[in-house]
Amino acid sequence: NCALRLSSLWSLVVRYTYLADGFNVNFTQTTDSANTIKKYVEDKTNGKIDKLVEDLDPSTVMYLTSYIYYKGSSPDVYERACRNL
């Protein structure tokens, strides 16, 4: 497994251009890596997404993930709005 290290410049560009994060993990330690990724996404989505990663291959060098966490009004607001149409 080649150890891909994210440069600080790359991290800054990704953070300010895409409002995204990147971090290093040791993919040869598959369970720890999967748990780190799961915990990150779980924390960012307030526990709504908690099973994003199951098994990782130890030869993995990069894992890209994307998630959408919508925080909005309760469904009751939409139901009331639909009744008024």
PDB file of N, CA and C in Angstrom:
ATOM      1  N   ASN A   1       0.847  -1.181   0.000  1.00  0.00           N
ATOM      2  CA  ASN A   1       0.000   0.000   0.000  1.00  0.00           C
ATOM      3  C   ASN A   1       0.886   1.235   0.000  1.00  0.00           C
ATOM      4  N   CYS A   2       0.725   2.062  -1.019  1.00  0.00           N
ATOM      5  CA  CYS A   2       1.489   3.310  -1.015  1.00  0.00           C
ATOM      6  C   CYS A   2       0.752   4.298  -0.123  1.00  0.00           C
ATOM      7  N   ALA A   3       1.485   4.994   0.667  1.00  0.00           N
ATOM      8  CA  ALA A   3       0.873   5.933   1.604  1.00  0.00           C
ATOM      9  C   ALA A   3       0.688   7.275   0.911  1.00  0.00           C
ATOM     10  N   LEU A   4      -0.531   7.582   0.551  1.00  0.00           N
ATOM     11  CA  LEU A   4      -0.865   8.857  -0.061  1.00  0.00           C
ATOM     12  C   LEU A   4      -1.062   9.873   1.056  1.00  0.00           C
ATOM     13  N   ARG A   5      -0.304  10.950   1.018  1.00  0.00           N
ATOM     14  CA  ARG A   5      -0.426  11.987   2.039  1.00  0.00           C
ATOM     15  C   ARG A   5      -1.018  13.224   1.389  1.00  0.00           C
ATOM     16  N   LEU A   6      -2.017  13.797   2.004  1.00  0.00           N
ATOM     17  CA  LEU A   6      -2.638  15.008   1.483  1.00  0.00           C
ATOM     18  C   LEU A   6      -1.786  16.212   1.857  1.00  0.00           C
ATOM     19  N   SER A   7      -1.506  17.052   0.883  1.00  0.00           N
ATOM     20  CA  SER A   7      -0.707  18.243   1.177  1.00  0.00           C
ATOM     21  C   SER A   7      -1.593  19.293   1.837  1.00  0.00           C
ATOM     22  N   SER A   8      -0.980  20.174   2.585  1.00  0.00           N
ATOM     23  CA  SER A   8      -1.746  21.222   3.257  1.00  0.00           C
ATOM     24  C   SER A   8      -2.355  22.177   2.231  1.00  0.00           C
ATOM     25  N   LEU A   9      -1.675  22.414   1.102  1.00  0.00           N
ATOM     26  CA  LEU A   9      -2.231  23.270   0.054  1.00  0.00           C
ATOM     27  C   LEU A   9      -3.485  22.632  -0.534  1.00  0.00           C
ATOM     28  N   TRP A  10      -3.419  21.325  -0.828  1.00  0.00           N
ATOM     29  CA  TRP A  10      -4.587  20.625  -1.357  1.00  0.00           C
ATOM     30  C   TRP A  10      -5.751  20.731  -0.374  1.00  0.00           C
ATOM     31  N   SER A  11      -5.474  20.526   0.895  1.00  0.00           N
ATOM     32  CA  SER A  11      -6.519  20.593   1.917  1.00  0.00           C
ATOM     33  C   SER A  11      -7.163  21.973   1.961  1.00  0.00           C
ATOM     34  N   LEU A  12      -6.353  23.025   1.845  1.00  0.00           N
ATOM     35  CA  LEU A  12      -6.897  24.393   1.841  1.00  0.00           C
ATOM     36  C   LEU A  12      -7.763  24.646   0.614  1.00  0.00           C
ATOM     37  N   VAL A  13      -7.292  24.221  -0.546  1.00  0.00           N
ATOM     38  CA  VAL A  13      -8.062  24.413  -1.778  1.00  0.00           C
ATOM     39  C   VAL A  13      -9.399  23.688  -1.686  1.00  0.00           C
ATOM     40  N   VAL A  14      -9.384  22.452  -1.237  1.00  0.00           N
ATOM     41  CA  VAL A  14     -10.616  21.670  -1.114  1.00  0.00           C
ATOM     42  C   VAL A  14     -11.564  22.305  -0.098  1.00  0.00           C
ATOM     43  N   ARG A  15     -11.023  22.749   1.015  1.00  0.00           N
ATOM     44  CA  ARG A  15     -11.863  23.336   2.057  1.00  0.00           C
ATOM     45  C   ARG A  15     -12.540  24.622   1.573  1.00  0.00           C
ATOM     46  N   TYR A  16     -11.786  25.512   0.937  1.00  0.00           N
ATOM     47  CA  TYR A  16     -12.349  26.810   0.559  1.00  0.00           C
ATOM     48  C   TYR A  16     -13.061  26.803  -0.785  1.00  0.00           C
ATOM     49  N   THR A  17     -12.727  25.890  -1.669  1.00  0.00           N
ATOM     50  CA  THR A  17     -13.394  25.821  -2.963  1.00  0.00           C
ATOM     51  C   THR A  17     -14.665  24.985  -2.895  1.00  0.00           C
ATOM     52  N   TYR A  18     -14.589  23.849  -2.221  1.00  0.00           N
ATOM     53  CA  TYR A  18     -15.711  22.910  -2.207  1.00  0.00           C
ATOM     54  C   TYR A  18     -16.382  22.769  -0.847  1.00  0.00           C
ATOM     55  N   LEU A  19     -15.898  23.504   0.149  1.00  0.00           N
ATOM     56  CA  LEU A  19     -16.416  23.371   1.520  1.00  0.00           C
ATOM     57  C   LEU A  19     -16.360  21.906   1.954  1.00  0.00           C
ATOM     58  N   ALA A  20     -15.240  21.259   1.664  1.00  0.00           N
ATOM     59  CA  ALA A  20     -15.059  19.838   1.944  1.00  0.00           C
ATOM     60  C   ALA A  20     -13.840  19.632   2.834  1.00  0.00           C
ATOM     61  N   ASP A  21     -13.698  18.426   3.331  1.00  0.00           N
ATOM     62  CA  ASP A  21     -12.566  18.072   4.179  1.00  0.00           C
ATOM     63  C   ASP A  21     -11.835  16.878   3.587  1.00  0.00           C
ATOM     64  N   GLY A  22     -10.594  16.773   3.949  1.00  0.00           N
ATOM     65  CA  GLY A  22      -9.803  15.600   3.609  1.00  0.00           C
ATOM     66  C   GLY A  22      -8.920  15.264   4.792  1.00  0.00           C
ATOM     67  N   PHE A  23      -8.696  13.984   5.003  1.00  0.00           N
ATOM     68  CA  PHE A  23      -7.813  13.592   6.103  1.00  0.00           C
ATOM     69  C   PHE A  23      -7.158  12.266   5.760  1.00  0.00           C
ATOM     70  N   ASN A  24      -6.033  12.017   6.401  1.00  0.00           N
ATOM     71  CA  ASN A  24      -5.255  10.806   6.162  1.00  0.00           C
ATOM     72  C   ASN A  24      -5.685   9.688   7.105  1.00  0.00           C
ATOM     73  N   VAL A  25      -5.725   8.481   6.559  1.00  0.00           N
ATOM     74  CA  VAL A  25      -5.921   7.276   7.367  1.00  0.00           C
ATOM     75  C   VAL A  25      -4.967   6.210   6.844  1.00  0.00           C
ATOM     76  N   ASN A  26      -4.700   5.222   7.655  1.00  0.00           N
ATOM     77  CA  ASN A  26      -3.847   4.107   7.255  1.00  0.00           C
ATOM     78  C   ASN A  26      -4.755   2.964   6.801  1.00  0.00           C
ATOM     79  N   PHE A  27      -4.925   2.817   5.486  1.00  0.00           N
ATOM     80  CA  PHE A  27      -5.859   1.823   4.959  1.00  0.00           C
ATOM     81  C   PHE A  27      -5.424   0.386   5.199  1.00  0.00           C
ATOM     82  N   THR A  28      -4.161   0.173   5.570  1.00  0.00           N
ATOM     83  CA  THR A  28      -3.768  -1.196   5.902  1.00  0.00           C
ATOM     84  C   THR A  28      -4.424  -1.631   7.205  1.00  0.00           C
ATOM     85  N   GLN A  29      -4.839  -0.670   7.997  1.00  0.00           N
ATOM     86  CA  GLN A  29      -5.608  -0.955   9.217  1.00  0.00           C
ATOM     87  C   GLN A  29      -7.079  -0.715   8.865  1.00  0.00           C
ATOM     88  N   THR A  30      -7.654  -1.703   8.189  1.00  0.00           N
ATOM     89  CA  THR A  30      -8.968  -1.541   7.569  1.00  0.00           C
ATOM     90  C   THR A  30     -10.071  -1.192   8.551  1.00  0.00           C
ATOM     91  N   THR A  31     -10.112  -1.831   9.690  1.00  0.00           N
ATOM     92  CA  THR A  31     -11.176  -1.561  10.664  1.00  0.00           C
ATOM     93  C   THR A  31     -11.061  -0.152  11.218  1.00  0.00           C
ATOM     94  N   ASP A  32      -9.861   0.253  11.594  1.00  0.00           N
ATOM     95  CA  ASP A  32      -9.662   1.609  12.117  1.00  0.00           C
ATOM     96  C   ASP A  32     -10.005   2.662  11.069  1.00  0.00           C
ATOM     97  N   SER A  33      -9.602   2.421   9.827  1.00  0.00           N
ATOM     98  CA  SER A  33      -9.891   3.371   8.750  1.00  0.00           C
ATOM     99  C   SER A  33     -11.390   3.497   8.515  1.00  0.00           C
ATOM    100  N   ALA A  34     -12.075   2.367   8.437  1.00  0.00           N
ATOM    101  CA  ALA A  34     -13.524   2.386   8.232  1.00  0.00           C
ATOM    102  C   ALA A  34     -14.213   3.097   9.387  1.00  0.00           C
ATOM    103  N   ASN A  35     -13.792   2.830  10.604  1.00  0.00           N
ATOM    104  CA  ASN A  35     -14.398   3.484  11.768  1.00  0.00           C
ATOM    105  C   ASN A  35     -14.151   4.985  11.768  1.00  0.00           C
ATOM    106  N   THR A  36     -12.962   5.413  11.339  1.00  0.00           N
ATOM    107  CA  THR A  36     -12.652   6.842  11.272  1.00  0.00           C
ATOM    108  C   THR A  36     -13.561   7.543  10.270  1.00  0.00           C
ATOM    109  N   ILE A  37     -13.729   6.943   9.100  1.00  0.00           N
ATOM    110  CA  ILE A  37     -14.589   7.531   8.068  1.00  0.00           C
ATOM    111  C   ILE A  37     -16.040   7.542   8.533  1.00  0.00           C
ATOM    112  N   LYS A  38     -16.502   6.425   9.091  1.00  0.00           N
ATOM    113  CA  LYS A  38     -17.885   6.353   9.590  1.00  0.00           C
ATOM    114  C   LYS A  38     -18.146   7.409  10.653  1.00  0.00           C
ATOM    115  N   LYS A  39     -17.210   7.554  11.587  1.00  0.00           N
ATOM    116  CA  LYS A  39     -17.377   8.517  12.679  1.00  0.00           C
ATOM    117  C   LYS A  39     -17.417   9.939  12.139  1.00  0.00           C
ATOM    118  N   TYR A  40     -16.571  10.245  11.173  1.00  0.00           N
ATOM    119  CA  TYR A  40     -16.554  11.579  10.583  1.00  0.00           C
ATOM    120  C   TYR A  40     -17.926  11.909   9.981  1.00  0.00           C
ATOM    121  N   VAL A  41     -18.446  11.008   9.142  1.00  0.00           N
ATOM    122  CA  VAL A  41     -19.733  11.251   8.488  1.00  0.00           C
ATOM    123  C   VAL A  41     -20.862  11.262   9.510  1.00  0.00           C
ATOM    124  N   GLU A  42     -20.811  10.361  10.470  1.00  0.00           N
ATOM    125  CA  GLU A  42     -21.839  10.326  11.514  1.00  0.00           C
ATOM    126  C   GLU A  42     -21.857  11.644  12.293  1.00  0.00           C
ATOM    127  N   ASP A  43     -20.686  12.163  12.638  1.00  0.00           N
ATOM    128  CA  ASP A  43     -20.612  13.440  13.358  1.00  0.00           C
ATOM    129  C   ASP A  43     -21.144  14.592  12.510  1.00  0.00           C
ATOM    130  N   LYS A  44     -20.796  14.617  11.225  1.00  0.00           N
ATOM    131  CA  LYS A  44     -21.211  15.705  10.332  1.00  0.00           C
ATOM    132  C   LYS A  44     -22.705  15.679  10.044  1.00  0.00           C
ATOM    133  N   THR A  45     -23.341  14.505  10.174  1.00  0.00           N
ATOM    134  CA  THR A  45     -24.773  14.389   9.882  1.00  0.00           C
ATOM    135  C   THR A  45     -25.602  14.196  11.152  1.00  0.00           C
ATOM    136  N   ASN A  46     -25.013  14.511  12.282  1.00  0.00           N
ATOM    137  CA  ASN A  46     -25.712  14.359  13.567  1.00  0.00           C
ATOM    138  C   ASN A  46     -26.307  12.966  13.742  1.00  0.00           C
ATOM    139  N   GLY A  47     -25.552  11.954  13.334  1.00  0.00           N
ATOM    140  CA  GLY A  47     -25.968  10.570  13.536  1.00  0.00           C
ATOM    141  C   GLY A  47     -26.955  10.028  12.527  1.00  0.00           C
ATOM    142  N   LYS A  48     -27.338  10.829  11.536  1.00  0.00           N
ATOM    143  CA  LYS A  48     -28.328  10.373  10.549  1.00  0.00           C
ATOM    144  C   LYS A  48     -27.746   9.354   9.573  1.00  0.00           C
ATOM    145  N   ILE A  49     -26.455   9.471   9.268  1.00  0.00           N
ATOM    146  CA  ILE A  49     -25.783   8.500   8.401  1.00  0.00           C
ATOM    147  C   ILE A  49     -24.709   7.842   9.248  1.00  0.00           C
ATOM    148  N   ASP A  50     -24.892   6.559   9.546  1.00  0.00           N
ATOM    149  CA  ASP A  50     -23.956   5.893  10.453  1.00  0.00           C
ATOM    150  C   ASP A  50     -23.390   4.583   9.902  1.00  0.00           C
ATOM    151  N   LYS A  51     -23.750   4.221   8.683  1.00  0.00           N
ATOM    152  CA  LYS A  51     -23.262   2.959   8.110  1.00  0.00           C
ATOM    153  C   LYS A  51     -22.748   3.171   6.691  1.00  0.00           C
ATOM    154  N   LEU A  52     -21.992   4.217   6.479  1.00  0.00           N
ATOM    155  CA  LEU A  52     -21.528   4.542   5.135  1.00  0.00           C
ATOM    156  C   LEU A  52     -20.459   3.576   4.642  1.00  0.00           C
ATOM    157  N   VAL A  53     -19.564   3.171   5.506  1.00  0.00           N
ATOM    158  CA  VAL A  53     -18.439   2.311   5.128  1.00  0.00           C
ATOM    159  C   VAL A  53     -18.528   1.017   5.918  1.00  0.00           C
ATOM    160  N   GLU A  54     -18.434  -0.105   5.228  1.00  0.00           N
ATOM    161  CA  GLU A  54     -18.435  -1.392   5.917  1.00  0.00           C
ATOM    162  C   GLU A  54     -17.030  -1.991   5.914  1.00  0.00           C
ATOM    163  N   ASP A  55     -16.613  -2.470   4.760  1.00  0.00           N
ATOM    164  CA  ASP A  55     -15.304  -3.116   4.645  1.00  0.00           C
ATOM    165  C   ASP A  55     -14.426  -2.319   3.694  1.00  0.00           C
ATOM    166  N   LEU A  56     -13.168  -2.201   4.035  1.00  0.00           N
ATOM    167  CA  LEU A  56     -12.199  -1.556   3.159  1.00  0.00           C
ATOM    168  C   LEU A  56     -11.135  -2.571   2.766  1.00  0.00           C
ATOM    169  N   ASP A  57     -10.664  -2.453   1.556  1.00  0.00           N
ATOM    170  CA  ASP A  57      -9.570  -3.296   1.080  1.00  0.00           C
ATOM    171  C   ASP A  57      -8.259  -2.672   1.552  1.00  0.00           C
ATOM    172  N   PRO A  58      -7.331  -3.459   2.078  1.00  0.00           N
ATOM    173  CA  PRO A  58      -6.070  -2.895   2.569  1.00  0.00           C
ATOM    174  C   PRO A  58      -5.210  -2.253   1.483  1.00  0.00           C
ATOM    175  N   SER A  59      -5.517  -2.516   0.196  1.00  0.00           N
ATOM    176  CA  SER A  59      -4.749  -1.886  -0.879  1.00  0.00           C
ATOM    177  C   SER A  59      -5.332  -0.530  -1.297  1.00  0.00           C
ATOM    178  N   THR A  60      -6.381  -0.088  -0.634  1.00  0.00           N
ATOM    179  CA  THR A  60      -6.996   1.208  -0.924  1.00  0.00           C
ATOM    180  C   THR A  60      -5.998   2.330  -0.656  1.00  0.00           C
ATOM    181  N   VAL A  61      -5.974   3.331  -1.551  1.00  0.00           N
ATOM    182  CA  VAL A  61      -5.107   4.490  -1.320  1.00  0.00           C
ATOM    183  C   VAL A  61      -5.910   5.769  -1.122  1.00  0.00           C
ATOM    184  N   MET A  62      -7.165   5.784  -1.598  1.00  0.00           N
ATOM    185  CA  MET A  62      -8.016   6.956  -1.385  1.00  0.00           C
ATOM    186  C   MET A  62      -9.467   6.503  -1.350  1.00  0.00           C
ATOM    187  N   TYR A  63     -10.241   7.133  -0.506  1.00  0.00           N
ATOM    188  CA  TYR A  63     -11.665   6.827  -0.392  1.00  0.00           C
ATOM    189  C   TYR A  63     -12.406   8.152  -0.436  1.00  0.00           C
ATOM    190  N   LEU A  64     -13.181   8.359  -1.488  1.00  0.00           N
ATOM    191  CA  LEU A  64     -13.957   9.589  -1.619  1.00  0.00           C
ATOM    192  C   LEU A  64     -15.386   9.294  -1.233  1.00  0.00           C
ATOM    193  N   THR A  65     -15.950  10.162  -0.466  1.00  0.00           N
ATOM    194  CA  THR A  65     -17.337   9.973  -0.067  1.00  0.00           C
ATOM    195  C   THR A  65     -18.068  11.297  -0.155  1.00  0.00           C
ATOM    196  N   SER A  66     -19.343  11.203  -0.341  1.00  0.00           N
ATOM    197  CA  SER A  66     -20.178  12.390  -0.416  1.00  0.00           C
ATOM    198  C   SER A  66     -21.473  12.090   0.327  1.00  0.00           C
ATOM    199  N   TYR A  67     -21.965  13.075   0.992  1.00  0.00           N
ATOM    200  CA  TYR A  67     -23.227  12.907   1.700  1.00  0.00           C
ATOM    201  C   TYR A  67     -23.970  14.226   1.683  1.00  0.00           C
ATOM    202  N   ILE A  68     -25.257  14.145   1.798  1.00  0.00           N
ATOM    203  CA  ILE A  68     -26.087  15.344   1.911  1.00  0.00           C
ATOM    204  C   ILE A  68     -26.858  15.218   3.206  1.00  0.00           C
ATOM    205  N   TYR A  69     -26.749  16.229   4.004  1.00  0.00           N
ATOM    206  CA  TYR A  69     -27.496  16.277   5.258  1.00  0.00           C
ATOM    207  C   TYR A  69     -28.361  17.512   5.191  1.00  0.00           C
ATOM    208  N   TYR A  70     -29.654  17.307   5.009  1.00  0.00           N
ATOM    209  CA  TYR A  70     -30.588  18.419   4.915  1.00  0.00           C
ATOM    210  C   TYR A  70     -31.160  18.705   6.286  1.00  0.00           C
ATOM    211  N   LYS A  71     -31.019  19.924   6.707  1.00  0.00           N
ATOM    212  CA  LYS A  71     -31.588  20.341   7.984  1.00  0.00           C
ATOM    213  C   LYS A  71     -32.594  21.432   7.666  1.00  0.00           C
ATOM    214  N   GLY A  72     -33.855  21.091   7.768  1.00  0.00           N
ATOM    215  CA  GLY A  72     -34.884  22.046   7.399  1.00  0.00           C
ATOM    216  C   GLY A  72     -36.088  21.947   8.309  1.00  0.00           C
ATOM    217  N   SER A  73     -37.163  22.510   7.831  1.00  0.00           N
ATOM    218  CA  SER A  73     -38.403  22.529   8.599  1.00  0.00           C
ATOM    219  C   SER A  73     -38.987  21.134   8.742  1.00  0.00           C
ATOM    220  N   SER A  74     -39.847  20.986   9.718  1.00  0.00           N
ATOM    221  CA  SER A  74     -40.475  19.688   9.948  1.00  0.00           C
ATOM    222  C   SER A  74     -41.456  19.382   8.819  1.00  0.00           C
ATOM    223  N   PRO A  75     -41.729  18.114   8.569  1.00  0.00           N
ATOM    224  CA  PRO A  75     -42.671  17.730   7.507  1.00  0.00           C
ATOM    225  C   PRO A  75     -44.057  18.339   7.694  1.00  0.00           C
ATOM    226  N   ASP A  76     -44.448  18.639   8.931  1.00  0.00           N
ATOM    227  CA  ASP A  76     -45.765  19.239   9.166  1.00  0.00           C
ATOM    228  C   ASP A  76     -45.923  20.551   8.416  1.00  0.00           C
ATOM    229  N   VAL A  77     -44.849  21.308   8.304  1.00  0.00           N
ATOM    230  CA  VAL A  77     -44.898  22.576   7.583  1.00  0.00           C
ATOM    231  C   VAL A  77     -45.264  22.323   6.132  1.00  0.00           C
ATOM    232  N   TYR A  78     -44.688  21.283   5.532  1.00  0.00           N
ATOM    233  CA  TYR A  78     -44.979  20.965   4.140  1.00  0.00           C
ATOM    234  C   TYR A  78     -46.410  20.463   3.981  1.00  0.00           C
ATOM    235  N   GLU A  79     -46.875  19.670   4.921  1.00  0.00           N
ATOM    236  CA  GLU A  79     -48.251  19.177   4.850  1.00  0.00           C
ATOM    237  C   GLU A  79     -49.239  20.333   4.919  1.00  0.00           C
ATOM    238  N   ARG A  80     -49.019  21.272   5.809  1.00  0.00           N
ATOM    239  CA  ARG A  80     -49.915  22.437   5.914  1.00  0.00           C
ATOM    240  C   ARG A  80     -49.869  23.270   4.642  1.00  0.00           C
ATOM    241  N   ALA A  81     -48.682  23.435   4.079  1.00  0.00           N
ATOM    242  CA  ALA A  81     -48.543  24.216   2.849  1.00  0.00           C
ATOM    243  C   ALA A  81     -49.292  23.548   1.704  1.00  0.00           C
ATOM    244  N   CYS A  82     -49.232  22.219   1.623  1.00  0.00           N
ATOM    245  CA  CYS A  82     -49.923  21.500   0.552  1.00  0.00           C
ATOM    246  C   CYS A  82     -51.434  21.619   0.693  1.00  0.00           C
ATOM    247  N   ARG A  83     -51.936  21.646   1.912  1.00  0.00           N
ATOM    248  CA  ARG A  83     -53.376  21.778   2.134  1.00  0.00           C
ATOM    249  C   ARG A  83     -53.884  23.129   1.657  1.00  0.00           C
ATOM    250  N   ASN A  84     -53.002  24.122   1.671  1.00  0.00           N
ATOM    251  CA  ASN A  84     -53.410  25.476   1.289  1.00  0.00           C
ATOM    252  C   ASN A  84     -53.273  25.739  -0.206  1.00  0.00           C
ATOM    253  N   LEU A  85     -52.846  24.752  -0.984  1.00  0.00           N
ATOM    254  CA  LEU A  85     -52.680  24.963  -2.429  1.00  0.00           C
ATOM    255  C   LEU A  85     -53.993  24.984  -3.149  1.00  0.00           C
TER     256      LEU A  85
END
